[in-house]
């Protein structure tokens, strides 16, 4: 009774057509892994949970679902709002970079007062977050958990693989970027790993969780 509005950080209906089209074009990457489900937002069960969240909240707090004012917020806008609206800036440029929102992976915005205007979007499969997450797994660490370990490990490495990464992530004349998604399982339903077979062919077998960290792993980081 003390809460007037509830915001949820995902619009379940956004990106469904784009995601479906990508899976049709790349069925092996989308369905060929046979492993655990990757992102929770990719599974049908999680999608149903999102669209029925008003009833879940009502059941949890013993309230009437009709009285809950629920707002689905675009994922990247939720990230941006959590920083800009509580900052000391009345006007600011805003950039959000994530593995993926509903479909976008990077947004450039301008915030002024209570308004945030989207200037540019970069969408899947061009995801810096998925590249980072894929190499986190390749190096033997946990996705969406141990990326900080990779960041720390990088301080011990040397810039030995610049040429490869400049091909993997290509900068465009307009300041945006393109990722060669053939190295990754970007938009997956049942793939156990974000990195694909081409990464293994390029660099060799992935590091096991308990394997020693070598100079090669530091340089990759």
Protein backbone atom coordinates (compact mmCIF):
# COMPACT_ATOMS: atom_id res chain seq x y z
CA UNK A 1 0.00 0.00 0.00
CA UNK A 2 3.01 2.29 0.40
CA UNK A 3 4.16 1.77 -3.21
CA UNK A 4 2.49 3.68 -6.05
CA UNK A 5 4.53 2.46 -9.02
CA UNK A 6 6.73 -0.51 -9.86
CA UNK A 7 9.36 -0.44 -12.59
CA UNK A 8 10.73 -3.58 -14.24
CA UNK A 9 14.03 -3.42 -16.13
CA UNK A 10 12.93 -5.26 -19.30
CA UNK A 11 10.29 -4.86 -22.01
CA UNK A 12 9.40 -8.49 -22.82
CA UNK A 13 7.93 -7.71 -26.24
CA UNK A 14 10.91 -5.71 -27.53
CA UNK A 15 13.39 -7.47 -29.80
CA UNK A 16 11.35 -10.65 -30.25
CA UNK A 17 11.12 -10.31 -34.04
CA UNK A 18 14.80 -9.43 -34.41
CA UNK A 19 15.88 -12.28 -32.12
CA UNK A 20 13.67 -14.75 -33.98
CA UNK A 21 15.01 -13.67 -37.37
CA UNK A 22 18.58 -14.08 -36.17
CA UNK A 23 17.85 -17.60 -34.91
CA UNK A 24 16.31 -18.54 -38.24
CA UNK A 25 19.39 -17.27 -40.09
CA UNK A 26 21.78 -19.03 -37.66
CA UNK A 27 20.00 -22.17 -36.39
CA UNK A 28 23.18 -24.02 -35.40
CA UNK A 29 24.35 -21.22 -33.14
CA UNK A 30 20.87 -20.79 -31.71
CA UNK A 31 19.83 -24.37 -31.08
CA UNK A 32 22.80 -26.65 -31.64
CA UNK A 33 24.53 -26.54 -28.27
CA UNK A 34 22.33 -28.84 -26.25
CA UNK A 35 23.68 -27.31 -23.06
CA UNK A 36 22.20 -25.19 -20.34
CA UNK A 37 20.19 -22.12 -21.20
CA UNK A 38 22.24 -18.96 -21.39
CA UNK A 39 20.55 -15.68 -20.55
CA UNK A 40 17.39 -15.92 -18.43
CA UNK A 41 15.62 -13.50 -20.77
CA UNK A 42 16.13 -16.00 -23.61
CA UNK A 43 13.99 -18.76 -22.13
CA UNK A 44 10.24 -19.08 -22.61
CA UNK A 45 9.74 -19.62 -18.89
CA UNK A 46 11.52 -16.40 -18.00
CA UNK A 47 9.49 -14.51 -20.62
CA UNK A 48 6.26 -15.77 -19.06
CA UNK A 49 7.53 -14.73 -15.62
CA UNK A 50 8.12 -11.21 -16.90
CA UNK A 51 4.69 -10.76 -18.46
CA UNK A 52 2.99 -12.15 -15.33
CA UNK A 53 5.06 -10.24 -12.79
CA UNK A 54 2.13 -8.08 -11.71
CA UNK A 55 0.29 -11.16 -10.45
CA UNK A 56 3.42 -12.47 -8.77
CA UNK A 57 3.83 -9.19 -6.90
CA UNK A 58 0.18 -9.19 -5.93
CA UNK A 59 0.48 -12.71 -4.55
CA UNK A 60 3.66 -11.86 -2.65
CA UNK A 61 2.26 -8.75 -1.00
CA UNK A 62 -1.42 -9.71 -0.81
CA UNK A 63 -2.62 -6.87 -3.02
CA UNK A 64 -4.98 -6.48 -5.95
CA UNK A 65 -3.15 -6.88 -9.31
CA UNK A 66 -5.42 -4.24 -10.86
CA UNK A 67 -4.09 -1.65 -8.40
CA UNK A 68 -0.42 -2.27 -9.21
CA UNK A 69 0.91 0.36 -11.62
CA UNK A 70 3.61 -1.62 -13.42
CA UNK A 71 5.97 -0.01 -15.90
CA UNK A 72 8.19 -2.08 -18.18
CA UNK A 73 11.37 -0.07 -18.74
CA UNK A 74 13.75 -0.65 -21.62
CA UNK A 75 16.83 -2.37 -20.21
CA UNK A 76 19.45 0.18 -21.25
CA UNK A 77 17.25 3.06 -20.13
CA UNK A 78 16.98 1.42 -16.71
CA UNK A 79 20.78 1.31 -16.51
CA UNK A 80 21.04 4.94 -17.58
CA UNK A 81 18.31 6.14 -15.22
CA UNK A 82 19.96 4.45 -12.25
CA UNK A 83 22.99 6.71 -12.71
CA UNK A 84 21.85 9.92 -14.40
CA UNK A 85 18.77 10.59 -12.26
CA UNK A 86 20.74 10.29 -9.02
CA UNK A 87 23.76 12.25 -10.26
CA UNK A 88 24.54 15.93 -9.73
CA UNK A 89 24.33 16.64 -13.46
CA UNK A 90 21.36 18.42 -14.99
CA UNK A 91 22.64 17.63 -18.48
CA UNK A 92 24.98 14.84 -19.54
CA UNK A 93 26.00 12.50 -22.32
CA UNK A 94 25.17 8.90 -21.38
CA UNK A 95 26.56 5.66 -22.79
CA UNK A 96 25.42 2.21 -21.70
CA UNK A 97 27.28 -0.93 -22.79
CA UNK A 98 25.91 -4.33 -21.87
CA UNK A 99 25.95 -7.91 -23.12
CA UNK A 100 22.43 -7.31 -24.36
CA UNK A 101 19.21 -5.61 -23.54
CA UNK A 102 16.02 -6.63 -25.30
CA UNK A 103 17.98 -6.37 -28.55
CA UNK A 104 20.37 -3.45 -28.22
CA UNK A 105 23.87 -3.87 -26.79
CA UNK A 106 24.95 -0.22 -26.59
CA UNK A 107 23.05 3.05 -26.37
CA UNK A 108 24.22 6.64 -26.60
CA UNK A 109 21.86 9.13 -24.97
CA UNK A 110 21.66 12.73 -23.89
CA UNK A 111 20.11 13.34 -20.51
CA UNK A 112 18.66 16.71 -19.53
CA UNK A 113 16.47 17.30 -16.51
CA UNK A 114 14.04 14.39 -16.30
CA UNK A 115 14.41 13.43 -19.95
CA UNK A 116 16.79 11.04 -21.69
CA UNK A 117 16.92 11.16 -25.49
CA UNK A 118 18.35 8.20 -27.40
CA UNK A 119 20.88 9.38 -29.99
CA UNK A 120 22.25 6.10 -31.32
CA UNK A 121 21.74 2.36 -30.86
CA UNK A 122 24.04 -0.58 -31.53
CA UNK A 123 22.24 -3.91 -31.62
CA UNK A 124 22.95 -7.62 -31.57
CA UNK A 125 25.02 -9.46 -32.58
CA UNK A 126 27.49 -6.60 -32.15
CA UNK A 127 28.03 -6.90 -28.41
CA UNK A 128 31.17 -5.93 -26.50
CA UNK A 129 29.64 -7.48 -23.41
CA UNK A 130 29.26 -10.86 -25.12
CA UNK A 131 32.87 -10.70 -26.33
CA UNK A 132 34.01 -9.98 -22.77
CA UNK A 133 31.75 -12.67 -21.35
CA UNK A 134 32.85 -15.22 -23.94
CA UNK A 135 36.51 -14.72 -23.13
CA UNK A 136 35.71 -14.80 -19.42
CA UNK A 137 34.38 -18.32 -19.95
CA UNK A 138 37.26 -19.28 -22.26
CA UNK A 139 39.72 -18.28 -19.53
CA UNK A 140 38.02 -20.63 -17.08
CA UNK A 141 35.88 -18.16 -15.16
CA UNK A 142 32.15 -17.81 -14.60
CA UNK A 143 30.00 -15.74 -16.94
CA UNK A 144 28.24 -12.74 -15.40
CA UNK A 145 30.27 -13.24 -12.24
CA UNK A 146 34.03 -13.30 -12.80
CA UNK A 147 34.53 -10.58 -15.41
CA UNK A 148 36.31 -8.55 -12.72
CA UNK A 149 38.91 -11.31 -12.44
CA UNK A 150 39.61 -10.99 -16.15
CA UNK A 151 39.99 -7.24 -15.77
CA UNK A 152 42.47 -7.78 -12.94
CA UNK A 153 44.33 -10.47 -14.88
CA UNK A 154 44.77 -8.11 -17.81
CA UNK A 155 47.07 -5.88 -15.77
CA UNK A 156 49.69 -8.66 -15.90
CA UNK A 157 49.44 -9.20 -19.65
CA UNK A 158 50.92 -7.63 -22.74
CA UNK A 159 49.21 -6.35 -25.89
CA UNK A 160 50.08 -9.48 -27.85
CA UNK A 161 46.78 -10.05 -29.66
CA UNK A 162 45.90 -6.57 -30.88
CA UNK A 163 45.74 -7.66 -34.52
CA UNK A 164 43.23 -10.41 -33.77
CA UNK A 165 40.99 -8.21 -31.66
CA UNK A 166 41.08 -5.39 -34.21
CA UNK A 167 39.65 -7.89 -36.71
CA UNK A 168 37.20 -9.30 -34.18
CA UNK A 169 35.90 -5.84 -33.21
CA UNK A 170 36.00 -3.52 -36.22
CA UNK A 171 35.65 0.21 -35.70
CA UNK A 172 33.42 1.97 -38.22
CA UNK A 173 33.99 5.48 -39.65
CA UNK A 174 30.96 6.81 -37.75
CA UNK A 175 32.43 5.75 -34.38
CA UNK A 176 30.32 2.61 -33.99
CA UNK A 177 31.69 -0.94 -34.08
CA UNK A 178 30.97 -4.33 -35.61
CA UNK A 179 31.71 -7.69 -33.98
CA UNK A 180 32.51 -10.79 -36.02
CA UNK A 181 29.84 -12.93 -34.40
CA UNK A 182 31.02 -16.11 -36.12
CA UNK A 183 33.42 -16.53 -33.17
CA UNK A 184 30.60 -16.56 -30.62
CA UNK A 185 27.21 -18.03 -29.74
CA UNK A 186 25.65 -14.60 -29.34
CA UNK A 187 21.87 -15.04 -29.46
CA UNK A 188 21.53 -18.52 -28.03
CA UNK A 189 18.71 -20.56 -26.60
CA UNK A 190 20.60 -23.61 -25.38
CA UNK A 191 24.32 -23.02 -25.78
CA UNK A 192 26.55 -23.75 -22.78
CA UNK A 193 29.29 -21.29 -23.77
CA UNK A 194 29.34 -17.86 -25.36
CA UNK A 195 32.61 -18.51 -27.16
CA UNK A 196 32.40 -20.65 -30.27
CA UNK A 197 34.57 -23.27 -31.95
CA UNK A 198 36.46 -20.62 -33.92
CA UNK A 199 37.88 -19.23 -30.67
CA UNK A 200 39.17 -22.71 -29.77
CA UNK A 201 40.67 -23.15 -33.24
CA UNK A 202 42.33 -19.73 -32.97
CA UNK A 203 43.76 -20.04 -29.45
CA UNK A 204 43.59 -23.70 -28.50
CA UNK A 205 41.66 -25.47 -25.72
CA UNK A 206 40.03 -23.27 -23.05
CA UNK A 207 41.53 -23.05 -19.58
CA UNK A 208 39.94 -25.35 -17.03
CA UNK A 209 38.67 -23.88 -13.79
CA UNK A 210 41.53 -25.40 -11.77
CA UNK A 211 44.24 -25.11 -14.42
CA UNK A 212 47.16 -22.78 -13.72
CA UNK A 213 47.06 -19.27 -15.15
CA UNK A 214 49.75 -18.84 -17.78
CA UNK A 215 51.25 -15.85 -19.55
CA UNK A 216 49.01 -16.64 -22.53
CA UNK A 217 45.89 -16.17 -20.39
CA UNK A 218 47.19 -12.86 -19.05
CA UNK A 219 47.80 -11.62 -22.60
CA UNK A 220 44.33 -12.70 -23.78
CA UNK A 221 42.81 -10.81 -20.84
